[in-house]
């Protein structure tokens, strides 16, 4: 687990994004690093402006833990930057999506 986290950080610094994706995929296979893998893939796809895949990973992350700090804000911020009339704007907060206060 620790080695995967360290490898991911090194690959981020070195900007080796193809190899980084492989590390995130490996993280997804392990229960104790699954959320980190999905978050990493989501952020990587957001940075590449691949919003379709970013939201797929974000959705999986949301279903694992809808209370993850800043998940909603990250997705909404990135989407609004590129699509000012985005569909997430209809929700005022994550509470509107999951139906319970965070």
PDB file of N, CA and C in Angstrom:
ATOM      1  N   UNK A   1       0.819  -1.194   0.000  1.00  0.00           N
ATOM      2  CA  UNK A   1       0.000   0.000   0.000  1.00  0.00           C
ATOM      3  C   UNK A   1       0.860   1.254   0.000  1.00  0.00           C
ATOM      4  N   UNK A   2       1.783   1.323   0.915  1.00  0.00           N
ATOM      5  CA  UNK A   2       2.649   2.492   1.002  1.00  0.00           C
ATOM      6  C   UNK A   2       3.484   2.651  -0.266  1.00  0.00           C
ATOM      7  N   UNK A   3       3.937   1.534  -0.821  1.00  0.00           N
ATOM      8  CA  UNK A   3       4.740   1.627  -2.042  1.00  0.00           C
ATOM      9  C   UNK A   3       3.916   2.180  -3.213  1.00  0.00           C
ATOM     10  N   UNK A   4       2.643   1.811  -3.291  1.00  0.00           N
ATOM     11  CA  UNK A   4       1.787   2.360  -4.352  1.00  0.00           C
ATOM     12  C   UNK A   4       1.615   3.872  -4.189  1.00  0.00           C
ATOM     13  N   UNK A   5       1.406   4.308  -2.957  1.00  0.00           N
ATOM     14  CA  UNK A   5       1.253   5.739  -2.696  1.00  0.00           C
ATOM     15  C   UNK A   5       2.517   6.506  -3.063  1.00  0.00           C
ATOM     16  N   UNK A   6       3.656   5.971  -2.689  1.00  0.00           N
ATOM     17  CA  UNK A   6       4.925   6.625  -3.018  1.00  0.00           C
ATOM     18  C   UNK A   6       5.176   6.638  -4.522  1.00  0.00           C
ATOM     19  N   UNK A   7       4.886   5.520  -5.179  1.00  0.00           N
ATOM     20  CA  UNK A   7       5.045   5.467  -6.637  1.00  0.00           C
ATOM     21  C   UNK A   7       4.160   6.503  -7.311  1.00  0.00           C
ATOM     22  N   UNK A   8       2.925   6.635  -6.849  1.00  0.00           N
ATOM     23  CA  UNK A   8       2.001   7.610  -7.434  1.00  0.00           C
ATOM     24  C   UNK A   8       2.537   9.024  -7.276  1.00  0.00           C
ATOM     25  N   UNK A   9       3.039   9.353  -6.108  1.00  0.00           N
ATOM     26  CA  UNK A   9       3.571  10.700  -5.872  1.00  0.00           C
ATOM     27  C   UNK A   9       4.791  10.987  -6.749  1.00  0.00           C
ATOM     28  N   UNK A  10       5.678  10.008  -6.874  1.00  0.00           N
ATOM     29  CA  UNK A  10       6.868  10.177  -7.715  1.00  0.00           C
ATOM     30  C   UNK A  10       6.466  10.367  -9.177  1.00  0.00           C
ATOM     31  N   UNK A  11       5.538   9.562  -9.647  1.00  0.00           N
ATOM     32  CA  UNK A  11       5.095   9.664 -11.042  1.00  0.00           C
ATOM     33  C   UNK A  11       4.376  10.986 -11.306  1.00  0.00           C
ATOM     34  N   UNK A  12       3.658  11.498 -10.322  1.00  0.00           N
ATOM     35  CA  UNK A  12       3.026  12.817 -10.472  1.00  0.00           C
ATOM     36  C   UNK A  12       4.085  13.894 -10.634  1.00  0.00           C
ATOM     37  N   UNK A  13       5.100  13.843  -9.788  1.00  0.00           N
ATOM     38  CA  UNK A  13       6.186  14.828  -9.849  1.00  0.00           C
ATOM     39  C   UNK A  13       6.917  14.749 -11.181  1.00  0.00           C
ATOM     40  N   UNK A  14       7.160  13.525 -11.642  1.00  0.00           N
ATOM     41  CA  UNK A  14       7.875  13.319 -12.904  1.00  0.00           C
ATOM     42  C   UNK A  14       6.977  13.487 -14.126  1.00  0.00           C
ATOM     43  N   UNK A  15       5.686  13.701 -13.905  1.00  0.00           N
ATOM     44  CA  UNK A  15       4.702  13.896 -14.970  1.00  0.00           C
ATOM     45  C   UNK A  15       4.642  12.714 -15.947  1.00  0.00           C
ATOM     46  N   UNK A  16       4.722  11.519 -15.392  1.00  0.00           N
ATOM     47  CA  UNK A  16       4.607  10.288 -16.174  1.00  0.00           C
ATOM     48  C   UNK A  16       3.180   9.762 -16.004  1.00  0.00           C
ATOM     49  N   UNK A  17       2.253  10.419 -16.692  1.00  0.00           N
ATOM     50  CA  UNK A  17       0.839  10.188 -16.461  1.00  0.00           C
ATOM     51  C   UNK A  17       0.344   8.822 -16.934  1.00  0.00           C
ATOM     52  N   UNK A  18       0.961   8.252 -17.966  1.00  0.00           N
ATOM     53  CA  UNK A  18       0.540   6.917 -18.404  1.00  0.00           C
ATOM     54  C   UNK A  18       0.839   5.881 -17.328  1.00  0.00           C
ATOM     55  N   UNK A  19       2.032   5.968 -16.763  1.00  0.00           N
ATOM     56  CA  UNK A  19       2.400   5.043 -15.698  1.00  0.00           C
ATOM     57  C   UNK A  19       1.575   5.307 -14.439  1.00  0.00           C
ATOM     58  N   UNK A  20       1.263   6.574 -14.208  1.00  0.00           N
ATOM     59  CA  UNK A  20       0.457   6.951 -13.056  1.00  0.00           C
ATOM     60  C   UNK A  20      -0.932   6.318 -13.138  1.00  0.00           C
ATOM     61  N   UNK A  21      -1.506   6.294 -14.331  1.00  0.00           N
ATOM     62  CA  UNK A  21      -2.812   5.651 -14.513  1.00  0.00           C
ATOM     63  C   UNK A  21      -2.757   4.186 -14.120  1.00  0.00           C
ATOM     64  N   UNK A  22      -1.667   3.521 -14.447  1.00  0.00           N
ATOM     65  CA  UNK A  22      -1.511   2.105 -14.085  1.00  0.00           C
ATOM     66  C   UNK A  22      -1.472   1.922 -12.571  1.00  0.00           C
ATOM     67  N   UNK A  23      -0.810   2.845 -11.883  1.00  0.00           N
ATOM     68  CA  UNK A  23      -0.751   2.772 -10.425  1.00  0.00           C
ATOM     69  C   UNK A  23      -2.148   2.979  -9.838  1.00  0.00           C
ATOM     70  N   UNK A  24      -2.883   3.962 -10.375  1.00  0.00           N
ATOM     71  CA  UNK A  24      -4.244   4.196  -9.885  1.00  0.00           C
ATOM     72  C   UNK A  24      -5.134   2.985 -10.138  1.00  0.00           C
ATOM     73  N   UNK A  25      -4.972   2.344 -11.296  1.00  0.00           N
ATOM     74  CA  UNK A  25      -5.749   1.140 -11.592  1.00  0.00           C
ATOM     75  C   UNK A  25      -5.421   0.028 -10.591  1.00  0.00           C
ATOM     76  N   UNK A  26      -4.156  -0.079 -10.230  1.00  0.00           N
ATOM     77  CA  UNK A  26      -3.753  -1.075  -9.230  1.00  0.00           C
ATOM     78  C   UNK A  26      -4.362  -0.741  -7.864  1.00  0.00           C
ATOM     79  N   UNK A  27      -4.416   0.546  -7.541  1.00  0.00           N
ATOM     80  CA  UNK A  27      -5.009   0.968  -6.263  1.00  0.00           C
ATOM     81  C   UNK A  27      -6.482   0.591  -6.189  1.00  0.00           C
ATOM     82  N   UNK A  28      -7.177   0.701  -7.307  1.00  0.00           N
ATOM     83  CA  UNK A  28      -8.606   0.385  -7.339  1.00  0.00           C
ATOM     84  C   UNK A  28      -8.856  -1.079  -6.987  1.00  0.00           C
ATOM     85  N   UNK A  29      -7.917  -1.938  -7.297  1.00  0.00           N
ATOM     86  CA  UNK A  29      -8.078  -3.371  -7.037  1.00  0.00           C
ATOM     87  C   UNK A  29      -7.955  -3.726  -5.559  1.00  0.00           C
ATOM     88  N   UNK A  30      -7.428  -2.795  -4.760  1.00  0.00           N
ATOM     89  CA  UNK A  30      -7.224  -3.058  -3.336  1.00  0.00           C
ATOM     90  C   UNK A  30      -8.217  -2.246  -2.513  1.00  0.00           C
ATOM     91  N   UNK A  31      -8.867  -2.898  -1.611  1.00  0.00           N
ATOM     92  CA  UNK A  31      -9.928  -2.253  -0.828  1.00  0.00           C
ATOM     93  C   UNK A  31      -9.407  -1.048  -0.040  1.00  0.00           C
ATOM     94  N   UNK A  32      -8.204  -1.141   0.514  1.00  0.00           N
ATOM     95  CA  UNK A  32      -7.705  -0.057   1.355  1.00  0.00           C
ATOM     96  C   UNK A  32      -7.167   1.147   0.568  1.00  0.00           C
ATOM     97  N   UNK A  33      -7.029   1.034  -0.749  1.00  0.00           N
ATOM     98  CA  UNK A  33      -6.584   2.176  -1.559  1.00  0.00           C
ATOM     99  C   UNK A  33      -7.570   2.497  -2.693  1.00  0.00           C
ATOM    100  N   UNK A  34      -8.718   1.845  -2.669  1.00  0.00           N
ATOM    101  CA  UNK A  34      -9.696   1.996  -3.756  1.00  0.00           C
ATOM    102  C   UNK A  34     -10.114   3.455  -3.952  1.00  0.00           C
ATOM    103  N   UNK A  35     -10.458   4.131  -2.869  1.00  0.00           N
ATOM    104  CA  UNK A  35     -10.908   5.523  -3.000  1.00  0.00           C
ATOM    105  C   UNK A  35      -9.797   6.426  -3.529  1.00  0.00           C
ATOM    106  N   UNK A  36      -8.564   6.179  -3.101  1.00  0.00           N
ATOM    107  CA  UNK A  36      -7.443   6.983  -3.606  1.00  0.00           C
ATOM    108  C   UNK A  36      -7.233   6.766  -5.100  1.00  0.00           C
ATOM    109  N   UNK A  37      -7.423   5.534  -5.546  1.00  0.00           N
ATOM    110  CA  UNK A  37      -7.283   5.238  -6.964  1.00  0.00           C
ATOM    111  C   UNK A  37      -8.333   5.950  -7.800  1.00  0.00           C
ATOM    112  N   UNK A  38      -9.580   5.899  -7.352  1.00  0.00           N
ATOM    113  CA  UNK A  38     -10.647   6.588  -8.084  1.00  0.00           C
ATOM    114  C   UNK A  38     -10.447   8.101  -8.067  1.00  0.00           C
ATOM    115  N   UNK A  39     -10.039   8.630  -6.929  1.00  0.00           N
ATOM    116  CA  UNK A  39      -9.813  10.080  -6.850  1.00  0.00           C
ATOM    117  C   UNK A  39      -8.665  10.499  -7.780  1.00  0.00           C
ATOM    118  N   UNK A  40      -7.610   9.696  -7.791  1.00  0.00           N
ATOM    119  CA  UNK A  40      -6.484   9.999  -8.670  1.00  0.00           C
ATOM    120  C   UNK A  40      -6.881   9.980 -10.136  1.00  0.00           C
ATOM    121  N   UNK A  41      -7.642   8.967 -10.537  1.00  0.00           N
ATOM    122  CA  UNK A  41      -8.098   8.885 -11.925  1.00  0.00           C
ATOM    123  C   UNK A  41      -9.055  10.019 -12.269  1.00  0.00           C
ATOM    124  N   UNK A  42      -9.913  10.370 -11.320  1.00  0.00           N
ATOM    125  CA  UNK A  42     -10.832  11.482 -11.545  1.00  0.00           C
ATOM    126  C   UNK A  42     -10.047  12.783 -11.767  1.00  0.00           C
ATOM    127  N   UNK A  43      -9.107  13.073 -10.880  1.00  0.00           N
ATOM    128  CA  UNK A  43      -8.329  14.306 -10.994  1.00  0.00           C
ATOM    129  C   UNK A  43      -7.485  14.321 -12.261  1.00  0.00           C
ATOM    130  N   UNK A  44      -6.908  13.179 -12.603  1.00  0.00           N
ATOM    131  CA  UNK A  44      -6.094  13.090 -13.810  1.00  0.00           C
ATOM    132  C   UNK A  44      -6.944  13.377 -15.049  1.00  0.00           C
ATOM    133  N   UNK A  45      -8.132  12.813 -15.106  1.00  0.00           N
ATOM    134  CA  UNK A  45      -9.014  13.058 -16.246  1.00  0.00           C
ATOM    135  C   UNK A  45      -9.525  14.492 -16.267  1.00  0.00           C
ATOM    136  N   UNK A  46      -9.786  15.074 -15.112  1.00  0.00           N
ATOM    137  CA  UNK A  46     -10.176  16.484 -15.067  1.00  0.00           C
ATOM    138  C   UNK A  46      -9.066  17.368 -15.621  1.00  0.00           C
ATOM    139  N   UNK A  47      -7.841  17.076 -15.229  1.00  0.00           N
ATOM    140  CA  UNK A  47      -6.698  17.864 -15.723  1.00  0.00           C
ATOM    141  C   UNK A  47      -6.507  17.733 -17.226  1.00  0.00           C
ATOM    142  N   UNK A  48      -6.882  16.582 -17.769  1.00  0.00           N
ATOM    143  CA  UNK A  48      -6.780  16.356 -19.214  1.00  0.00           C
ATOM    144  C   UNK A  48      -8.051  16.809 -19.941  1.00  0.00           C
ATOM    145  N   UNK A  49      -8.980  17.390 -19.198  1.00  0.00           N
ATOM    146  CA  UNK A  49     -10.258  17.862 -19.713  1.00  0.00           C
ATOM    147  C   UNK A  49     -11.085  16.736 -20.340  1.00  0.00           C
ATOM    148  N   UNK A  50     -10.906  15.539 -19.833  1.00  0.00           N
ATOM    149  CA  UNK A  50     -11.726  14.397 -20.228  1.00  0.00           C
ATOM    150  C   UNK A  50     -12.833  14.277 -19.188  1.00  0.00           C
ATOM    151  N   UNK A  51     -13.838  15.129 -19.327  1.00  0.00           N
ATOM    152  CA  UNK A  51     -14.879  15.234 -18.312  1.00  0.00           C
ATOM    153  C   UNK A  51     -15.749  13.991 -18.236  1.00  0.00           C
ATOM    154  N   UNK A  52     -15.941  13.337 -19.345  1.00  0.00           N
ATOM    155  CA  UNK A  52     -16.763  12.123 -19.346  1.00  0.00           C
ATOM    156  C   UNK A  52     -16.188  11.088 -18.372  1.00  0.00           C
ATOM    157  N   UNK A  53     -14.915  10.757 -18.538  1.00  0.00           N
ATOM    158  CA  UNK A  53     -14.300   9.757 -17.670  1.00  0.00           C
ATOM    159  C   UNK A  53     -14.116  10.280 -16.250  1.00  0.00           C
ATOM    160  N   UNK A  54     -13.840  11.560 -16.113  1.00  0.00           N
ATOM    161  CA  UNK A  54     -13.698  12.141 -14.775  1.00  0.00           C
ATOM    162  C   UNK A  54     -14.984  11.954 -13.977  1.00  0.00           C
ATOM    163  N   UNK A  55     -16.129  12.158 -14.617  1.00  0.00           N
ATOM    164  CA  UNK A  55     -17.388  12.005 -13.905  1.00  0.00           C
ATOM    165  C   UNK A  55     -17.731  10.542 -13.653  1.00  0.00           C
ATOM    166  N   UNK A  56     -17.279   9.660 -14.509  1.00  0.00           N
ATOM    167  CA  UNK A  56     -17.470   8.227 -14.242  1.00  0.00           C
ATOM    168  C   UNK A  56     -16.716   7.845 -12.976  1.00  0.00           C
ATOM    169  N   UNK A  57     -15.448   8.274 -12.876  1.00  0.00           N
ATOM    170  CA  UNK A  57     -14.657   7.967 -11.677  1.00  0.00           C
ATOM    171  C   UNK A  57     -15.209   8.702 -10.465  1.00  0.00           C
ATOM    172  N   UNK A  58     -15.655   9.930 -10.666  1.00  0.00           N
ATOM    173  CA  UNK A  58     -16.251  10.684  -9.571  1.00  0.00           C
ATOM    174  C   UNK A  58     -17.506  10.020  -9.036  1.00  0.00           C
ATOM    175  N   UNK A  59     -18.305   9.477  -9.939  1.00  0.00           N
ATOM    176  CA  UNK A  59     -19.520   8.782  -9.527  1.00  0.00           C
ATOM    177  C   UNK A  59     -19.180   7.534  -8.716  1.00  0.00           C
ATOM    178  N   UNK A  60     -18.195   6.781  -9.160  1.00  0.00           N
ATOM    179  CA  UNK A  60     -17.783   5.587  -8.413  1.00  0.00           C
ATOM    180  C   UNK A  60     -17.262   5.984  -7.038  1.00  0.00           C
ATOM    181  N   UNK A  61     -16.505   7.053  -6.998  1.00  0.00           N
ATOM    182  CA  UNK A  61     -15.987   7.555  -5.737  1.00  0.00           C
ATOM    183  C   UNK A  61     -17.127   8.004  -4.831  1.00  0.00           C
ATOM    184  N   UNK A  62     -18.093   8.685  -5.404  1.00  0.00           N
ATOM    185  CA  UNK A  62     -19.253   9.152  -4.653  1.00  0.00           C
ATOM    186  C   UNK A  62     -20.021   7.981  -4.041  1.00  0.00           C
ATOM    187  N   UNK A  63     -20.200   6.894  -4.801  1.00  0.00           N
ATOM    188  CA  UNK A  63     -20.935   5.751  -4.277  1.00  0.00           C
ATOM    189  C   UNK A  63     -20.154   5.016  -3.196  1.00  0.00           C
ATOM    190  N   UNK A  64     -18.829   5.079  -3.251  1.00  0.00           N
ATOM    191  CA  UNK A  64     -18.031   4.491  -2.181  1.00  0.00           C
ATOM    192  C   UNK A  64     -18.172   5.286  -0.893  1.00  0.00           C
ATOM    193  N   UNK A  65     -18.171   6.611  -1.035  1.00  0.00           N
ATOM    194  CA  UNK A  65     -18.279   7.481   0.133  1.00  0.00           C
ATOM    195  C   UNK A  65     -18.783   8.856  -0.301  1.00  0.00           C
ATOM    196  N   UNK A  66     -20.086   9.102  -0.195  1.00  0.00           N
ATOM    197  CA  UNK A  66     -20.641  10.380  -0.646  1.00  0.00           C
ATOM    198  C   UNK A  66     -20.205  11.568   0.205  1.00  0.00           C
ATOM    199  N   UNK A  67     -19.558  11.312   1.314  1.00  0.00           N
ATOM    200  CA  UNK A  67     -19.157  12.402   2.198  1.00  0.00           C
ATOM    201  C   UNK A  67     -17.685  12.786   2.047  1.00  0.00           C
ATOM    202  N   UNK A  68     -17.046  12.330   0.997  1.00  0.00           N
ATOM    203  CA  UNK A  68     -15.638  12.685   0.781  1.00  0.00           C
ATOM    204  C   UNK A  68     -15.535  14.183   0.609  1.00  0.00           C
ATOM    205  N   UNK A  69     -14.677  14.776   1.403  1.00  0.00           N
ATOM    206  CA  UNK A  69     -14.529  16.228   1.399  1.00  0.00           C
ATOM    207  C   UNK A  69     -14.097  16.738   0.026  1.00  0.00           C
ATOM    208  N   UNK A  70     -14.764  17.744  -0.422  1.00  0.00           N
ATOM    209  CA  UNK A  70     -14.458  18.493  -1.640  1.00  0.00           C
ATOM    210  C   UNK A  70     -14.721  17.743  -2.943  1.00  0.00           C
ATOM    211  N   UNK A  71     -15.290  16.554  -2.906  1.00  0.00           N
ATOM    212  CA  UNK A  71     -15.572  15.827  -4.145  1.00  0.00           C
ATOM    213  C   UNK A  71     -16.541  16.619  -5.007  1.00  0.00           C
ATOM    214  N   UNK A  72     -17.645  17.002  -4.434  1.00  0.00           N
ATOM    215  CA  UNK A  72     -18.641  17.773  -5.170  1.00  0.00           C
ATOM    216  C   UNK A  72     -18.050  19.092  -5.661  1.00  0.00           C
ATOM    217  N   UNK A  73     -17.328  19.789  -4.780  1.00  0.00           N
ATOM    218  CA  UNK A  73     -16.752  21.086  -5.143  1.00  0.00           C
ATOM    219  C   UNK A  73     -15.748  20.966  -6.285  1.00  0.00           C
ATOM    220  N   UNK A  74     -14.919  19.935  -6.247  1.00  0.00           N
ATOM    221  CA  UNK A  74     -13.924  19.733  -7.298  1.00  0.00           C
ATOM    222  C   UNK A  74     -14.595  19.507  -8.644  1.00  0.00           C
ATOM    223  N   UNK A  75     -15.564  18.609  -8.682  1.00  0.00           N
ATOM    224  CA  UNK A  75     -16.254  18.320  -9.939  1.00  0.00           C
ATOM    225  C   UNK A  75     -17.007  19.546 -10.438  1.00  0.00           C
ATOM    226  N   UNK A  76     -17.695  20.220  -9.553  1.00  0.00           N
ATOM    227  CA  UNK A  76     -18.491  21.376  -9.938  1.00  0.00           C
ATOM    228  C   UNK A  76     -17.600  22.521 -10.436  1.00  0.00           C
ATOM    229  N   UNK A  77     -16.503  22.778  -9.747  1.00  0.00           N
ATOM    230  CA  UNK A  77     -15.588  23.851 -10.133  1.00  0.00           C
ATOM    231  C   UNK A  77     -15.013  23.615 -11.525  1.00  0.00           C
ATOM    232  N   UNK A  78     -14.516  22.411 -11.758  1.00  0.00           N
ATOM    233  CA  UNK A  78     -13.922  22.093 -13.058  1.00  0.00           C
ATOM    234  C   UNK A  78     -14.957  22.156 -14.176  1.00  0.00           C
ATOM    235  N   UNK A  79     -16.143  21.637 -13.894  1.00  0.00           N
ATOM    236  CA  UNK A  79     -17.184  21.636 -14.910  1.00  0.00           C
ATOM    237  C   UNK A  79     -17.633  23.061 -15.230  1.00  0.00           C
ATOM    238  N   UNK A  80     -17.838  23.876 -14.203  1.00  0.00           N
ATOM    239  CA  UNK A  80     -18.275  25.259 -14.417  1.00  0.00           C
ATOM    240  C   UNK A  80     -17.252  26.066 -15.200  1.00  0.00           C
ATOM    241  N   UNK A  81     -15.987  25.773 -15.005  1.00  0.00           N
ATOM    242  CA  UNK A  81     -14.941  26.505 -15.715  1.00  0.00           C
ATOM    243  C   UNK A  81     -15.053  26.309 -17.221  1.00  0.00           C
ATOM    244  N   UNK A  82     -15.503  25.142 -17.642  1.00  0.00           N
ATOM    245  CA  UNK A  82     -15.584  24.836 -19.070  1.00  0.00           C
ATOM    246  C   UNK A  82     -17.007  24.910 -19.621  1.00  0.00           C
ATOM    247  N   UNK A  83     -17.977  24.694 -18.748  1.00  0.00           N
ATOM    248  CA  UNK A  83     -19.378  24.712 -19.167  1.00  0.00           C
ATOM    249  C   UNK A  83     -20.194  25.511 -18.146  1.00  0.00           C
ATOM    250  N   UNK A  84     -20.262  26.831 -18.311  1.00  0.00           N
ATOM    251  CA  UNK A  84     -20.942  27.665 -17.314  1.00  0.00           C
ATOM    252  C   UNK A  84     -22.396  27.265 -17.045  1.00  0.00           C
ATOM    253  N   UNK A  85     -23.059  26.647 -17.980  1.00  0.00           N
ATOM    254  CA  UNK A  85     -24.458  26.238 -17.779  1.00  0.00           C
ATOM    255  C   UNK A  85     -24.550  24.760 -17.413  1.00  0.00           C
ATOM    256  N   UNK A  86     -23.571  24.258 -16.679  1.00  0.00           N
ATOM    257  CA  UNK A  86     -23.498  22.830 -16.378  1.00  0.00           C
ATOM    258  C   UNK A  86     -24.684  22.343 -15.551  1.00  0.00           C
ATOM    259  N   UNK A  87     -24.935  21.045 -15.649  1.00  0.00           N
ATOM    260  CA  UNK A  87     -26.076  20.445 -14.964  1.00  0.00           C
ATOM    261  C   UNK A  87     -25.880  20.378 -13.453  1.00  0.00           C
ATOM    262  N   UNK A  88     -24.642  20.394 -12.961  1.00  0.00           N
ATOM    263  CA  UNK A  88     -24.435  20.345 -11.524  1.00  0.00           C
ATOM    264  C   UNK A  88     -24.872  21.635 -10.841  1.00  0.00           C
ATOM    265  N   UNK A  89     -25.009  22.718 -11.604  1.00  0.00           N
ATOM    266  CA  UNK A  89     -25.422  23.988 -11.014  1.00  0.00           C
ATOM    267  C   UNK A  89     -26.826  23.901 -10.419  1.00  0.00           C
ATOM    268  N   UNK A  90     -27.616  22.930 -10.834  1.00  0.00           N
ATOM    269  CA  UNK A  90     -28.964  22.827 -10.282  1.00  0.00           C
ATOM    270  C   UNK A  90     -28.926  22.396  -8.820  1.00  0.00           C
ATOM    271  N   UNK A  91     -27.810  21.833  -8.366  1.00  0.00           N
ATOM    272  CA  UNK A  91     -27.660  21.453  -6.973  1.00  0.00           C
ATOM    273  C   UNK A  91     -26.896  22.547  -6.244  1.00  0.00           C
ATOM    274  N   UNK A  92     -27.412  22.980  -5.123  1.00  0.00           N
ATOM    275  CA  UNK A  92     -26.749  24.023  -4.362  1.00  0.00           C
ATOM    276  C   UNK A  92     -25.621  23.457  -3.506  1.00  0.00           C
ATOM    277  N   UNK A  93     -25.763  22.204  -3.124  1.00  0.00           N
ATOM    278  CA  UNK A  93     -24.769  21.573  -2.265  1.00  0.00           C
ATOM    279  C   UNK A  93     -24.842  20.062  -2.433  1.00  0.00           C
ATOM    280  N   UNK A  94     -23.844  19.343  -1.905  1.00  0.00           N
ATOM    281  CA  UNK A  94     -23.898  17.883  -1.963  1.00  0.00           C
ATOM    282  C   UNK A  94     -25.127  17.328  -1.252  1.00  0.00           C
ATOM    283  N   UNK A  95     -25.664  18.067  -0.272  1.00  0.00           N
ATOM    284  CA  UNK A  95     -26.850  17.606   0.441  1.00  0.00           C
ATOM    285  C   UNK A  95     -28.021  17.408  -0.506  1.00  0.00           C
ATOM    286  N   UNK A  96     -28.107  18.244  -1.542  1.00  0.00           N
ATOM    287  CA  UNK A  96     -29.188  18.124  -2.516  1.00  0.00           C
ATOM    288  C   UNK A  96     -29.085  16.825  -3.307  1.00  0.00           C
ATOM    289  N   UNK A  97     -27.868  16.298  -3.428  1.00  0.00           N
ATOM    290  CA  UNK A  97     -27.638  15.073  -4.193  1.00  0.00           C
ATOM    291  C   UNK A  97     -27.902  13.842  -3.335  1.00  0.00           C
ATOM    292  N   UNK A  98     -27.378  13.832  -2.106  1.00  0.00           N
ATOM    293  CA  UNK A  98     -27.498  12.628  -1.283  1.00  0.00           C
ATOM    294  C   UNK A  98     -28.662  12.693  -0.304  1.00  0.00           C
ATOM    295  N   UNK A  99     -29.239  13.887  -0.123  1.00  0.00           N
ATOM    296  CA  UNK A  99     -30.438  13.993   0.686  1.00  0.00           C
ATOM    297  C   UNK A  99     -30.226  14.051   2.179  1.00  0.00           C
ATOM    298  N   UNK A 100     -28.985  14.159   2.622  1.00  0.00           N
ATOM    299  CA  UNK A 100     -28.741  14.281   4.059  1.00  0.00           C
ATOM    300  C   UNK A 100     -27.574  15.235   4.278  1.00  0.00           C
ATOM    301  N   UNK A 101     -27.574  15.964   5.366  1.00  0.00           N
ATOM    302  CA  UNK A 101     -26.488  16.920   5.601  1.00  0.00           C
ATOM    303  C   UNK A 101     -25.147  16.229   5.794  1.00  0.00           C
ATOM    304  N   UNK A 102     -24.091  16.905   5.359  1.00  0.00           N
ATOM    305  CA  UNK A 102     -22.750  16.338   5.516  1.00  0.00           C
ATOM    306  C   UNK A 102     -22.162  16.730   6.826  1.00  0.00           C
TER     307      UNK A 102
END
